[in-house]
C-alpha atoms as a PDB file:
ATOM      1  CA  MET A   1       8.821  32.072 -49.184  1.00  0.00           C
ATOM      2  CA  LYS A   2       8.233  33.218 -45.829  1.00  0.00           C
ATOM      3  CA  SER A   3       7.294  29.610 -44.758  1.00  0.00           C
ATOM      4  CA  SER A   4       9.992  27.803 -46.329  1.00  0.00           C
ATOM      5  CA  ARG A   5      12.661  30.054 -44.505  1.00  0.00           C
ATOM      6  CA  SER A   6      11.004  29.479 -41.164  1.00  0.00           C
ATOM      7  CA  ARG A   7      10.924  25.668 -41.903  1.00  0.00           C
ATOM      8  CA  SER A   8      14.916  25.721 -42.816  1.00  0.00           C
ATOM      9  CA  ARG A   9      15.600  27.851 -39.777  1.00  0.00           C
ATOM     10  CA  SER A  10      13.769  25.337 -37.315  1.00  0.00           C
ATOM     11  CA  LYS A  11      15.367  22.323 -39.075  1.00  0.00           C
ATOM     12  CA  GLY A  12      18.590  24.019 -38.394  1.00  0.00           C
ATOM     13  CA  SER A  13      17.943  24.671 -34.787  1.00  0.00           C
ATOM     14  CA  ARG A  14      16.886  21.261 -34.242  1.00  0.00           C
ATOM     15  CA  ASN A  15      20.531  20.032 -35.203  1.00  0.00           C
ATOM     16  CA  ARG A  16      22.223  22.358 -32.908  1.00  0.00           C
ATOM     17  CA  GLY A  17      20.336  20.905 -29.931  1.00  0.00           C
ATOM     18  CA  SER A  18      22.564  17.750 -30.165  1.00  0.00           C
ATOM     19  CA  ASN A  19      23.705  18.137 -26.556  1.00  0.00           C
ATOM     20  CA  ASN A  20      20.461  16.908 -25.554  1.00  0.00           C
ATOM     21  CA  ASN A  21      20.881  13.470 -27.600  1.00  0.00           C
ATOM     22  CA  SER A  22      21.918  10.324 -25.865  1.00  0.00           C
ATOM     23  CA  GLY A  23      25.509   9.461 -25.928  1.00  0.00           C
ATOM     24  CA  GLY A  24      25.224   6.180 -28.263  1.00  0.00           C
ATOM     25  CA  ASN A  25      23.483   8.717 -30.776  1.00  0.00           C
ATOM     26  CA  VAL A  26      26.196  11.230 -30.635  1.00  0.00           C
ATOM     27  CA  ILE A  27      28.883   8.852 -31.570  1.00  0.00           C
ATOM     28  CA  ASN A  28      27.553   7.133 -34.428  1.00  0.00           C
ATOM     29  CA  ARG A  29      25.556  10.370 -35.880  1.00  0.00           C
ATOM     30  CA  VAL A  30      26.604  12.147 -38.808  1.00  0.00           C
ATOM     31  CA  PHE A  31      27.435  15.826 -38.460  1.00  0.00           C
ATOM     32  CA  ASP A  32      27.722  18.695 -40.985  1.00  0.00           C
ATOM     33  CA  SER A  33      30.347  20.946 -39.537  1.00  0.00           C
ATOM     34  CA  SER A  34      30.809  24.444 -40.959  1.00  0.00           C
ATOM     35  CA  GLY A  35      34.371  25.150 -40.423  1.00  0.00           C
ATOM     36  CA  PRO A  36      36.832  27.975 -41.951  1.00  0.00           C
ATOM     37  CA  GLU A  37      37.594  25.988 -45.117  1.00  0.00           C
ATOM     38  CA  GLY A  38      34.009  25.034 -45.807  1.00  0.00           C
ATOM     39  CA  LYS A  39      31.713  21.908 -44.615  1.00  0.00           C
ATOM     40  CA  VAL A  40      33.303  19.081 -43.153  1.00  0.00           C
ATOM     41  CA  ARG A  41      30.839  15.660 -42.649  1.00  0.00           C
ATOM     42  CA  GLY A  42      31.092  12.701 -40.663  1.00  0.00           C
ATOM     43  CA  THR A  43      30.848  11.419 -37.282  1.00  0.00           C
ATOM     44  CA  PRO A  44      32.521  13.238 -34.287  1.00  0.00           C
ATOM     45  CA  GLN A  45      35.795  11.042 -34.595  1.00  0.00           C
ATOM     46  CA  GLN A  46      35.825  11.668 -38.385  1.00  0.00           C
ATOM     47  CA  ILE A  47      35.378  15.384 -37.950  1.00  0.00           C
ATOM     48  CA  ILE A  48      38.061  15.637 -35.298  1.00  0.00           C
ATOM     49  CA  ASP A  49      40.697  13.717 -37.555  1.00  0.00           C
ATOM     50  CA  LYS A  50      39.823  15.867 -40.543  1.00  0.00           C
ATOM     51  CA  TYR A  51      40.292  19.268 -38.161  1.00  0.00           C
ATOM     52  CA  ASN A  52      43.238  17.900 -36.964  1.00  0.00           C
ATOM     53  CA  GLN A  53      44.972  17.184 -40.390  1.00  0.00           C
ATOM     54  CA  LEU A  54      43.752  20.688 -41.547  1.00  0.00           C
ATOM     55  CA  ALA A  55      45.484  22.205 -38.446  1.00  0.00           C
ATOM     56  CA  ARG A  56      48.738  20.252 -39.298  1.00  0.00           C
ATOM     57  CA  ASP A  57      48.480  21.554 -42.855  1.00  0.00           C
ATOM     58  CA  SER A  58      47.820  25.242 -41.691  1.00  0.00           C
ATOM     59  CA  GLN A  59      50.676  24.951 -39.348  1.00  0.00           C
ATOM     60  CA  LEU A  60      53.318  23.675 -41.946  1.00  0.00           C
ATOM     61  CA  SER A  61      52.208  26.770 -44.062  1.00  0.00           C
ATOM     62  CA  GLY A  62      52.860  29.021 -41.405  1.00  0.00           C
ATOM     63  CA  ASP A  63      49.265  30.104 -40.576  1.00  0.00           C
ATOM     64  CA  ARG A  64      48.957  30.292 -36.938  1.00  0.00           C
ATOM     65  CA  VAL A  65      45.230  31.715 -36.810  1.00  0.00           C
ATOM     66  CA  ALA A  66      44.004  29.086 -39.172  1.00  0.00           C
ATOM     67  CA  THR A  67      45.996  26.428 -36.996  1.00  0.00           C
ATOM     68  CA  GLU A  68      44.255  27.762 -33.876  1.00  0.00           C
ATOM     69  CA  ASN A  69      41.026  27.948 -35.434  1.00  0.00           C
ATOM     70  CA  PHE A  70      41.236  24.238 -36.813  1.00  0.00           C
ATOM     71  CA  GLN A  71      42.353  23.093 -33.390  1.00  0.00           C
ATOM     72  CA  GLN A  72      39.323  24.882 -31.524  1.00  0.00           C
ATOM     73  CA  HIS A  73      36.808  23.154 -34.302  1.00  0.00           C
ATOM     74  CA  ALA A  74      38.598  19.604 -33.404  1.00  0.00           C
ATOM     75  CA  GLU A  75      38.278  20.425 -29.608  1.00  0.00           C
ATOM     76  CA  HIS A  76      34.361  21.029 -29.823  1.00  0.00           C
ATOM     77  CA  TYR A  77      33.836  17.790 -31.364  1.00  0.00           C
ATOM     78  CA  LEU A  78      36.282  16.089 -28.878  1.00  0.00           C
ATOM     79  CA  ARG A  79      34.132  17.525 -26.079  1.00  0.00           C
ATOM     80  CA  LEU A  80      30.857  16.059 -27.725  1.00  0.00           C
ATOM     81  CA  LEU A  81      32.415  12.814 -28.027  1.00  0.00           C
ATOM     82  CA  SER A  82      33.995  12.658 -24.636  1.00  0.00           C
ATOM     83  CA  GLU A  83      30.660  13.833 -22.851  1.00  0.00           C
ATOM     84  CA  ALA A  84      29.001  11.275 -25.119  1.00  0.00           C
ATOM     85  CA  GLN A  85      31.466   8.466 -24.082  1.00  0.00           C
ATOM     86  CA  ARG A  86      31.091   9.489 -20.126  1.00  0.00           C
ATOM     87  CA  GLU A  87      27.194   9.009 -20.826  1.00  0.00           C
ATOM     88  CA  ILE A  88      27.538   5.736 -22.308  1.00  0.00           C
ATOM     89  CA  ASP A  89      30.050   4.668 -19.412  1.00  0.00           C
ATOM     90  CA  ALA A  90      27.599   5.777 -16.915  1.00  0.00           C
ATOM     91  CA  ARG A  91      24.694   4.024 -18.139  1.00  0.00           C
ATOM     92  CA  ARG A  92      26.867   0.954 -18.505  1.00  0.00           C
ATOM     93  CA  GLU A  93      27.854   0.916 -15.043  1.00  0.00           C
ATOM     94  CA  GLU A  94      24.368   1.875 -13.944  1.00  0.00           C
ATOM     95  CA  GLN A  95      23.097  -1.099 -15.704  1.00  0.00           C
ATOM     96  CA  GLU A  96      25.801  -3.550 -14.304  1.00  0.00           C
ATOM     97  CA  ARG A  97      25.040  -2.270 -10.686  1.00  0.00           C
ATOM     98  CA  GLN A  98      21.233  -3.016 -11.399  1.00  0.00           C
ATOM     99  CA  ASN A  99      22.449  -6.451 -12.854  1.00  0.00           C
ATOM    100  CA  ARG A 100      24.515  -7.107  -9.613  1.00  0.00           C
ATOM    101  CA  ASP A 101      21.638  -5.935  -7.380  1.00  0.00           C
ATOM    102  CA  ARG A 102      19.185  -8.124  -9.195  1.00  0.00           C
ATOM    103  CA  GLN A 103      21.413 -11.215  -8.837  1.00  0.00           C
ATOM    104  CA  ALA A 104      22.104 -10.659  -5.218  1.00  0.00           C
ATOM    105  CA  GLU A 105      18.381 -10.402  -4.797  1.00  0.00           C
ATOM    106  CA  ARG A 106      17.798 -13.632  -6.749  1.00  0.00           C
ATOM    107  CA  ASP A 107      20.659 -15.170  -4.548  1.00  0.00           C
ATOM    108  CA  ARG A 108      18.961 -13.948  -1.467  1.00  0.00           C
ATOM    109  CA  GLN A 109      15.556 -15.284  -2.686  1.00  0.00           C
ATOM    110  CA  ALA A 110      17.104 -18.792  -3.338  1.00  0.00           C
ATOM    111  CA  GLU A 111      18.852 -19.070   0.124  1.00  0.00           C
ATOM    112  CA  ARG A 112      15.287 -18.037   1.687  1.00  0.00           C
ATOM    113  CA  ASP A 113      13.818 -20.847  -0.583  1.00  0.00           C
ATOM    114  CA  ARG A 114      16.247 -23.518   0.438  1.00  0.00           C
ATOM    115  CA  GLU A 115      15.766 -22.612   4.173  1.00  0.00           C
ATOM    116  CA  ARG A 116      12.111 -22.820   3.854  1.00  0.00           C
ATOM    117  CA  ASN A 117      12.325 -26.045   2.233  1.00  0.00           C
ATOM    118  CA  GLN A 118      14.673 -27.442   4.713  1.00  0.00           C
ATOM    119  CA  GLN A 119      12.183 -26.374   7.423  1.00  0.00           C
ATOM    120  CA  ARG A 120       9.202 -28.033   5.748  1.00  0.00           C
ATOM    121  CA  ALA A 121      11.310 -31.209   5.384  1.00  0.00           C
ATOM    122  CA  GLU A 122      12.270 -30.924   9.140  1.00  0.00           C
ATOM    123  CA  GLN A 123       8.414 -30.404   9.984  1.00  0.00           C
ATOM    124  CA  GLN A 124       7.241 -33.344   8.086  1.00  0.00           C
ATOM    125  CA  GLN A 125       9.793 -35.486   9.594  1.00  0.00           C
ATOM    126  CA  GLU A 126       8.618 -34.529  13.094  1.00  0.00           C
ATOM    127  CA  ALA A 127       4.951 -34.875  12.160  1.00  0.00           C
ATOM    128  CA  SER A 128       5.644 -38.361  10.929  1.00  0.00           C
ATOM    129  CA  VAL A 129       7.398 -39.521  14.176  1.00  0.00           C
ATOM    130  CA  ALA A 130       4.713 -37.933  16.421  1.00  0.00           C
ATOM    131  CA  ASP A 131       1.806 -39.273  14.102  1.00  0.00           C
ATOM    132  CA  PRO A 132       1.992 -43.039  14.036  1.00  0.00           C
ATOM    133  CA  ALA A 133      -0.572 -43.202  11.290  1.00  0.00           C
ATOM    134  CA  ALA A 134       1.917 -41.137   8.970  1.00  0.00           C
ATOM    135  CA  ALA A 135       4.808 -43.185   9.709  1.00  0.00           C
ATOM    136  CA  PRO A 136       5.503 -46.199   7.329  1.00  0.00           C
ATOM    137  CA  GLN A 137       3.470 -49.282   8.242  1.00  0.00           C
ATOM    138  CA  PRO A 138       4.886 -52.672   8.352  1.00  0.00           C
ATOM    139  CA  ASP A 139       3.782 -55.348   6.073  1.00  0.00           C
ATOM    140  CA  VAL A 140       1.417 -57.815   7.191  1.00  0.00           C
ATOM    141  CA  VAL A 141       2.808 -61.139   8.169  1.00  0.00           C
ATOM    142  CA  GLU A 142       0.745 -64.448   8.857  1.00  0.00           C
ATOM    143  CA  ALA A 143       1.342 -65.675  12.227  1.00  0.00           C
ATOM    144  CA  PRO A 144       2.013 -69.301  12.816  1.00  0.00           C
ATOM    145  CA  ALA A 145      -1.111 -71.409  14.333  1.00  0.00           C
ATOM    146  CA  ASP A 146       0.795 -72.104  17.427  1.00  0.00           C
ATOM    147  CA  SER A 147       1.742 -68.499  18.167  1.00  0.00           C
ATOM    148  CA  GLY A 148      -0.903 -68.246  21.073  1.00  0.00           C
ATOM    149  CA  LEU A 149      -2.842 -65.585  19.323  1.00  0.00           C
ATOM    150  CA  VAL A 150      -6.482 -65.229  19.051  1.00  0.00           C
ATOM    151  CA  GLU A 151      -7.935 -65.790  15.624  1.00  0.00           C
ATOM    152  CA  THR A 152     -10.182 -63.081  14.528  1.00  0.00           C
ATOM    153  CA  PRO A 153     -12.802 -63.691  11.600  1.00  0.00           C
ATOM    154  CA  GLU A 154     -10.894 -61.016   9.524  1.00  0.00           C
ATOM    155  CA  SER A 155      -7.701 -63.219   9.841  1.00  0.00           C
ATOM    156  CA  GLN A 156      -9.381 -66.626   8.910  1.00  0.00           C
ATOM    157  CA  PRO A 157      -9.700 -67.463   5.341  1.00  0.00           C
ATOM    158  CA  LYS A 158     -13.119 -67.247   3.999  1.00  0.00           C
ATOM    159  CA  PRO A 159     -14.791 -70.714   3.461  1.00  0.00           C
ATOM    160  CA  LYS A 160     -15.807 -71.722  -0.017  1.00  0.00           C
ATOM    161  CA  PRO A 161     -19.455 -71.808  -0.788  1.00  0.00           C
ATOM    162  CA  LYS A 162     -20.830 -75.403  -0.636  1.00  0.00           C
ATOM    163  CA  THR A 163     -21.747 -76.875  -4.032  1.00  0.00           C
ATOM    164  CA  THR A 164     -24.942 -78.908  -3.836  1.00  0.00           C
ATOM    165  CA  ARG A 165     -25.520 -81.952  -6.057  1.00  0.00           C
ATOM    166  CA  SER A 166     -29.100 -82.764  -7.206  1.00  0.00           C
ATOM    167  CA  ARG A 167     -30.055 -86.111  -5.221  1.00  0.00           C
ATOM    168  CA  LYS A 168     -33.134 -88.234  -5.304  1.00  0.00           C
ATOM    169  CA  PRO A 169     -35.423 -87.259  -2.582  1.00  0.00           C
ATOM    170  CA  ARG A 170     -35.698 -90.291   0.219  1.00  0.00           C
ATOM    171  CA  ALA A 171     -38.436 -92.097   0.456  1.00  0.00           C
ATOM    172  CA  LYS A 172     -40.927 -91.392   3.227  1.00  0.00           C
ATOM    173  CA  PRO A 173     -41.651 -93.965   5.811  1.00  0.00           C
ATOM    174  CA  LYS A 174     -45.181 -95.270   5.297  1.00  0.00           C
ATOM    175  CA  PRO A 175     -47.588 -95.041   8.113  1.00  0.00           C
ATOM    176  CA  GLU A 176     -48.407 -98.443   9.618  1.00  0.00           C
ATOM    177  CA  ALA A 177     -51.952 -99.622   9.869  1.00  0.00           C
ATOM    178  CA  THR A 178     -51.828-101.529  13.020  1.00  0.00           C
ATOM    179  CA  GLU A 179     -51.306 -98.568  15.219  1.00  0.00           C
ATOM    180  CA  PRO A 180     -53.866 -95.756  15.207  1.00  0.00           C
ATOM    181  CA  SER A 181     -52.507 -92.173  15.534  1.00  0.00           C
ATOM    182  CA  ALA A 182     -53.537 -90.015  18.326  1.00  0.00           C
ATOM    183  CA  ASP A 183     -54.725 -87.161  15.749  1.00  0.00           C
ATOM    184  CA  SER A 184     -56.941 -89.230  13.841  1.00  0.00           C
ATOM    185  CA  GLY A 185     -59.405 -90.744  16.063  1.00  0.00           C
ATOM    186  CA  SER A 186     -62.557 -90.955  14.196  1.00  0.00           C
ATOM    187  CA  ALA A 187     -61.806 -93.596  11.226  1.00  0.00           C
ATOM    188  CA  PRO A 188     -61.152 -97.005  13.076  1.00  0.00           C
ATOM    189  CA  GLU A 189     -64.073 -96.553  15.377  1.00  0.00           C
ATOM    190  CA  ALA A 190     -66.601 -96.115  12.724  1.00  0.00           C
ATOM    191  CA  ALA A 191     -65.997 -99.656  11.443  1.00  0.00           C
ATOM    192  CA  GLU A 192     -67.059-101.561  14.714  1.00  0.00           C
END
């Protein structure tokens, strides 16, 4: 028995610490309120509406003490609700401020990138003017023959390779027997 009591006590104490919860959780959270007429269950706005209705009813019946009691209960939940709304508004404003800061940083970065790209383009343009090899090259045009320019082997068209036809070999002239050659000196003298 002792353990079940401590469990229920700790459970009840957790519900009472609702001020530590985030604002969005309080607005939509369902509360059990123990009022003078019994429990009232609902979101803070529903509980406020119920206690205000009970306060009007008790005022019409002439019970000023009950009216004040219901109004105090309604005021408690009204404070919870307004505190939660302030937290939500503060978070929203902080989020919007962060978004504006991020957008401003992105805009500054984009501007720096545009300036950097512009500088690169200017540097490339200056480099192309300073370096003739980087400048656009003109097309090669054939010069007319009478221009007075010296022809180089590279500018002349390559000659076509000669095609050889097969021919009959020429007939060699026969050495005449009447004249002795200077190289062969032994053959005619031996005959005499």
